[in-house]
Amino acid sequence: MSSKVVGCYSPCGKLSYSNWANQVGQNAPNSEIAKMYCCPTPPVSPEECRTGPVEQTEFVKLIHQKCANVYGYAYDDAVGLQVCPAGTTYTWTLGCPTEVVRG
């Protein structure tokens, strides 16, 4: 097992996933601290989510900058909610960055 960084958490994931020794990930998605980053409905409406703090996080800014048309958070409807026809075959390609981005 390696201790090298191979990815990053979304803002919601950082607050609510306790895996990989994430010590701040002890919150439920609908908790006071996480709800405006996770946007569970209810209690957070799509409008509240889009005007909340998640849109201004470095994670979402980086996703929008580096990956055009990629959904950065729940209700990121400016680029999300795209569909593919039934029978579409997907290819998932993982690439290693040439530089480390820390946020």
Foldseek 3Di string as FASTA:
>chain_A
DDPDDDDDAQLLCLQQPPPPPSPNNPDDCCDPVRVLRQVDPPPHDLVSNVPGDSCVDPQNVVCCVPPPLDDRHPSPPVRDPDDDDPPDDDDDDDDDDPDDDDD
